[in-house]
Amino acid sequence: MRAVITVIGKDAVGILAKVSTVCAEDNANVIEVTQSVLQDMFAMIMLVDISRLKVDFAALADTLSKLGDEQGLKILTMHEDIFNTMHRI
């Protein structure tokens, strides 16, 4: 099982490190990352393996969302099945 994490907001040092630290703490393995900085705007998409999570998926999504709130970012975590279904329409 995999999930897609998107991060959007004002660029700052350590965004990738903070998000990947949360993933590591909950045993979500980062498979692939793409990121861009457009002027001062940061955008990132991460694909993570969630098959061995230590917490339930909703808890991971909540933790990442709270991190986003603290850092002034929008962080969305979506199960791969939902992501794929949304993009078939």
Protein backbone atom coordinates (compact mmCIF):
# COMPACT_ATOMS: atom_id res chain seq x y z
CA MET A 1 0.00 0.00 0.00
CA ARG A 2 1.18 3.47 -0.83
CA ALA A 3 0.17 7.05 -0.18
CA VAL A 4 0.74 10.37 -1.91
CA ILE A 5 1.78 13.35 0.21
CA THR A 6 1.61 16.84 -1.29
CA VAL A 7 3.16 19.91 0.30
CA ILE A 8 2.61 23.49 -0.88
CA GLY A 9 3.65 26.75 0.72
CA LYS A 10 6.29 29.40 1.12
CA ASP A 11 9.80 28.01 0.72
CA ALA A 12 11.86 27.52 3.88
CA VAL A 13 14.85 25.48 4.97
CA GLY A 14 14.07 21.94 6.13
CA ILE A 15 10.60 21.27 4.72
CA LEU A 16 11.62 17.97 3.12
CA ALA A 17 13.49 16.95 6.28
CA LYS A 18 10.53 17.69 8.57
CA VAL A 19 8.02 15.80 6.42
CA SER A 20 10.32 12.82 5.91
CA THR A 21 11.06 12.73 9.67
CA VAL A 22 7.34 12.35 10.43
CA CYS A 23 7.17 9.57 7.85
CA ALA A 24 10.18 7.79 9.36
CA GLU A 25 8.81 8.06 12.90
CA ASP A 26 5.60 6.32 11.79
CA ASN A 27 7.50 3.81 9.60
CA ALA A 28 6.25 5.17 6.26
CA ASN A 29 9.05 4.55 3.77
CA VAL A 30 9.67 7.35 1.26
CA ILE A 31 9.84 5.78 -2.21
CA GLU A 32 10.03 8.82 -4.46
CA VAL A 33 10.13 12.60 -4.09
CA THR A 34 9.79 15.43 -6.54
CA GLN A 35 9.97 19.05 -5.49
CA SER A 36 10.17 22.48 -7.06
CA VAL A 37 10.72 25.98 -5.86
CA LEU A 38 9.04 28.61 -8.03
CA GLN A 39 10.33 31.98 -6.87
CA ASP A 40 9.47 31.69 -3.15
CA MET A 41 6.80 28.96 -3.46
CA PHE A 42 7.63 25.37 -2.52
CA ALA A 43 5.80 22.39 -4.04
CA MET A 44 6.53 18.73 -3.30
CA ILE A 45 4.97 15.37 -4.02
CA MET A 46 6.09 12.29 -2.12
CA LEU A 47 5.16 8.68 -2.75
CA VAL A 48 5.45 6.62 0.45
CA ASP A 49 5.03 2.94 1.27
CA ILE A 50 2.52 2.68 4.13
CA SER A 51 2.31 -1.11 4.34
CA ARG A 52 4.25 -1.19 7.64
CA LEU A 53 2.87 1.90 9.40
CA LYS A 54 3.16 1.91 13.20
CA VAL A 55 -0.02 4.03 13.39
CA ASP A 56 -3.22 4.00 11.38
CA PHE A 57 -3.30 5.96 8.16
CA ALA A 58 -5.57 8.69 9.56
CA ALA A 59 -3.09 9.36 12.37
CA LEU A 60 -0.25 9.83 9.88
CA ALA A 61 -2.40 12.19 7.80
CA ASP A 62 -3.36 14.18 10.92
CA THR A 63 0.24 14.47 12.11
CA LEU A 64 1.36 15.74 8.71
CA SER A 65 -1.55 18.17 8.50
CA LYS A 66 -0.67 19.57 11.94
CA LEU A 67 2.96 19.92 10.86
CA GLY A 68 1.73 21.89 7.87
CA ASP A 69 -0.34 24.19 10.09
CA GLU A 70 2.68 24.81 12.35
CA GLN A 71 4.94 25.58 9.38
CA GLY A 72 2.48 27.62 7.32
CA LEU A 73 2.18 24.88 4.70
CA LYS A 74 -0.67 22.89 3.21
CA ILE A 75 0.11 19.18 3.58
CA LEU A 76 -2.36 16.64 2.18
CA THR A 77 -1.95 12.89 2.57
CA MET A 78 -4.01 10.67 0.31
CA HIS A 79 -4.15 6.90 0.03
CA GLU A 80 -2.98 5.81 -3.42
CA ASP A 81 -6.35 4.14 -4.17
CA ILE A 82 -8.19 7.44 -3.61
CA PHE A 83 -5.59 9.34 -5.64
CA ASN A 84 -5.92 6.93 -8.57
CA THR A 85 -9.73 6.98 -8.43
CA MET A 86 -9.82 10.78 -8.43
CA HIS A 87 -7.64 10.92 -11.52
CA ARG A 88 -9.63 8.41 -13.54
CA ILE A 89 -12.63 10.70 -13.74
